[in-house]
Structures are given as C-alpha cells and as structure tokens.
Amino acid sequence: MPQTVVCKQCGHLLYKGVELKPPTEIIQRNGGVCPRCGRKLTFRIEDVEIIPIVEEAG
C-alpha cells in the first residue's frame, strides 16, 4: 500500500513510497517546513485523509 504525504497548504509532494514512514520523520526530513511554500509542517491526526486506490480492471 503506497503512502503519499502532501503539504496541506500548497499540495507539494513531501513523500511518496511503498514504505510507510512516520509523519514526524517526513517533517524532520524537510526541516519542519514545506520546501515550496514555507508553511510550518505539523502532524494532527484530524488532518489525516485515507484515500483507497481504485485499480482499473483490464
């Protein structure tokens, strides 16, 4: 199951991969700010959105 983490403000891709990474590690890797818009990165469980991937048959 792939994991994608994006900035809530600008949608910049912060992490994408099949290995699940803790949000705190992704935030730390980016120095605590979004490299595109400069927004301070935080982790709140209320902001987590799980979207299932729908694979097309065929």
N, C-alpha and C. Protein backbone atom coordinates (compact mmCIF):
# COMPACT_ATOMS: atom_id res chain seq x y z
N MET A 1 0.85 -1.17 0.00
CA MET A 1 0.00 0.00 0.00
C MET A 1 0.90 1.24 0.00
N PRO A 2 0.85 2.05 -1.06
CA PRO A 2 1.69 3.24 -1.11
C PRO A 2 1.21 4.34 -0.16
N GLN A 3 2.14 5.17 0.24
CA GLN A 3 1.86 6.30 1.12
C GLN A 3 2.26 7.57 0.38
N THR A 4 1.38 8.56 0.41
CA THR A 4 1.68 9.86 -0.18
C THR A 4 1.42 10.92 0.87
N VAL A 5 2.38 11.82 1.06
CA VAL A 5 2.24 12.91 2.03
C VAL A 5 2.43 14.21 1.28
N VAL A 6 1.44 15.11 1.40
CA VAL A 6 1.50 16.40 0.71
C VAL A 6 1.29 17.54 1.70
N CYS A 7 1.77 18.71 1.33
CA CYS A 7 1.56 19.91 2.14
C CYS A 7 0.08 20.28 2.09
N LYS A 8 -0.49 20.54 3.24
CA LYS A 8 -1.91 20.89 3.33
C LYS A 8 -2.20 22.23 2.65
N GLN A 9 -1.23 23.12 2.65
CA GLN A 9 -1.46 24.46 2.09
C GLN A 9 -1.30 24.50 0.57
N CYS A 10 -0.19 23.97 0.04
CA CYS A 10 0.07 24.13 -1.39
C CYS A 10 -0.02 22.83 -2.19
N GLY A 11 -0.11 21.68 -1.49
CA GLY A 11 -0.21 20.40 -2.19
C GLY A 11 1.11 19.83 -2.66
N HIS A 12 2.22 20.44 -2.26
CA HIS A 12 3.55 19.94 -2.65
C HIS A 12 3.76 18.52 -2.13
N LEU A 13 4.28 17.64 -2.98
CA LEU A 13 4.55 16.26 -2.61
C LEU A 13 5.77 16.20 -1.70
N LEU A 14 5.56 15.79 -0.46
CA LEU A 14 6.63 15.68 0.52
C LEU A 14 7.22 14.28 0.57
N TYR A 15 6.39 13.28 0.33
CA TYR A 15 6.86 11.89 0.34
C TYR A 15 5.88 11.02 -0.42
N LYS A 16 6.43 10.09 -1.20
CA LYS A 16 5.62 9.07 -1.86
C LYS A 16 6.45 7.81 -1.92
N GLY A 17 5.89 6.70 -1.44
CA GLY A 17 6.61 5.44 -1.47
C GLY A 17 5.79 4.31 -0.90
N VAL A 18 6.26 3.09 -1.10
CA VAL A 18 5.56 1.92 -0.58
C VAL A 18 5.92 1.65 0.88
N GLU A 19 7.04 2.17 1.33
CA GLU A 19 7.43 2.02 2.73
C GLU A 19 6.72 3.09 3.56
N LEU A 20 5.96 2.65 4.56
CA LEU A 20 5.24 3.61 5.40
C LEU A 20 6.23 4.32 6.32
N LYS A 21 6.21 5.65 6.27
CA LYS A 21 7.09 6.48 7.08
C LYS A 21 6.26 7.22 8.11
N PRO A 22 6.75 7.38 9.33
CA PRO A 22 6.04 8.18 10.32
C PRO A 22 6.03 9.65 9.89
N PRO A 23 4.91 10.33 10.10
CA PRO A 23 4.83 11.75 9.73
C PRO A 23 5.94 12.60 10.35
N THR A 24 6.33 12.28 11.58
CA THR A 24 7.39 13.06 12.23
C THR A 24 8.71 12.94 11.47
N GLU A 25 8.98 11.78 10.89
CA GLU A 25 10.21 11.59 10.11
C GLU A 25 10.18 12.43 8.83
N ILE A 26 9.03 12.47 8.18
CA ILE A 26 8.88 13.25 6.95
C ILE A 26 9.01 14.74 7.25
N ILE A 27 8.42 15.18 8.35
CA ILE A 27 8.53 16.59 8.77
C ILE A 27 9.98 16.93 9.06
N GLN A 28 10.67 16.07 9.81
CA GLN A 28 12.07 16.31 10.17
C GLN A 28 12.95 16.34 8.92
N ARG A 29 12.69 15.45 7.98
CA ARG A 29 13.47 15.37 6.74
C ARG A 29 13.39 16.67 5.95
N ASN A 30 12.27 17.38 6.08
CA ASN A 30 12.06 18.63 5.36
C ASN A 30 12.36 19.86 6.23
N GLY A 31 13.01 19.66 7.36
CA GLY A 31 13.40 20.78 8.22
C GLY A 31 12.22 21.47 8.89
N GLY A 32 11.07 20.78 8.93
CA GLY A 32 9.90 21.33 9.62
C GLY A 32 9.07 22.31 8.81
N VAL A 33 9.49 22.55 7.55
CA VAL A 33 8.73 23.47 6.70
C VAL A 33 8.58 22.89 5.29
N CYS A 34 7.53 23.30 4.61
CA CYS A 34 7.32 22.89 3.23
C CYS A 34 8.36 23.58 2.36
N PRO A 35 9.09 22.82 1.54
CA PRO A 35 10.12 23.44 0.70
C PRO A 35 9.55 24.35 -0.39
N ARG A 36 8.27 24.21 -0.72
CA ARG A 36 7.67 25.05 -1.75
C ARG A 36 7.10 26.35 -1.19
N CYS A 37 6.23 26.25 -0.17
CA CYS A 37 5.52 27.45 0.29
C CYS A 37 6.02 27.98 1.63
N GLY A 38 6.86 27.20 2.34
CA GLY A 38 7.41 27.66 3.61
C GLY A 38 6.49 27.47 4.81
N ARG A 39 5.34 26.82 4.62
CA ARG A 39 4.41 26.59 5.73
C ARG A 39 5.05 25.67 6.76
N LYS A 40 4.85 25.96 8.03
CA LYS A 40 5.35 25.09 9.09
C LYS A 40 4.58 23.77 9.02
N LEU A 41 5.31 22.66 8.97
CA LEU A 41 4.69 21.34 8.89
C LEU A 41 4.40 20.82 10.28
N THR A 42 3.18 20.36 10.49
CA THR A 42 2.77 19.76 11.75
C THR A 42 2.00 18.49 11.45
N PHE A 43 1.84 17.65 12.45
CA PHE A 43 1.05 16.44 12.29
C PHE A 43 -0.10 16.46 13.28
N ARG A 44 -1.29 16.42 12.72
CA ARG A 44 -2.51 16.30 13.53
C ARG A 44 -3.33 15.16 12.96
N ILE A 45 -3.71 14.24 13.79
CA ILE A 45 -4.46 13.07 13.33
C ILE A 45 -5.75 13.48 12.63
N GLU A 46 -6.31 14.63 12.99
CA GLU A 46 -7.55 15.11 12.37
C GLU A 46 -7.34 15.47 10.90
N ASP A 47 -6.09 15.73 10.52
CA ASP A 47 -5.79 16.13 9.14
C ASP A 47 -5.44 14.94 8.24
N VAL A 48 -5.38 13.74 8.79
CA VAL A 48 -5.03 12.57 8.00
C VAL A 48 -6.23 12.17 7.15
N GLU A 49 -5.96 11.96 5.87
CA GLU A 49 -7.00 11.55 4.94
C GLU A 49 -6.54 10.26 4.27
N ILE A 50 -7.34 9.21 4.37
CA ILE A 50 -7.01 7.93 3.77
C ILE A 50 -7.90 7.77 2.54
N ILE A 51 -7.25 7.63 1.40
CA ILE A 51 -7.97 7.50 0.13
C ILE A 51 -7.59 6.18 -0.50
N PRO A 52 -8.54 5.27 -0.68
CA PRO A 52 -8.20 3.99 -1.30
C PRO A 52 -7.88 4.18 -2.78
N ILE A 53 -6.95 3.37 -3.26
CA ILE A 53 -6.59 3.40 -4.67
C ILE A 53 -7.50 2.45 -5.41
N VAL A 54 -8.13 2.96 -6.44
CA VAL A 54 -9.02 2.14 -7.26
C VAL A 54 -8.26 1.76 -8.52
N GLU A 55 -8.03 0.46 -8.66
CA GLU A 55 -7.32 -0.02 -9.83
C GLU A 55 -8.32 -0.40 -10.90
N GLU A 56 -8.01 -0.01 -12.13
CA GLU A 56 -8.90 -0.32 -13.23
C GLU A 56 -8.69 -1.76 -13.67
N ALA A 57 -9.77 -2.45 -13.97
CA ALA A 57 -9.69 -3.83 -14.45
C ALA A 57 -9.20 -3.83 -15.89
N GLY A 58 -8.42 -4.84 -16.19
CA GLY A 58 -8.12 -4.93 -17.58
C GLY A 58 -6.77 -5.18 -17.95
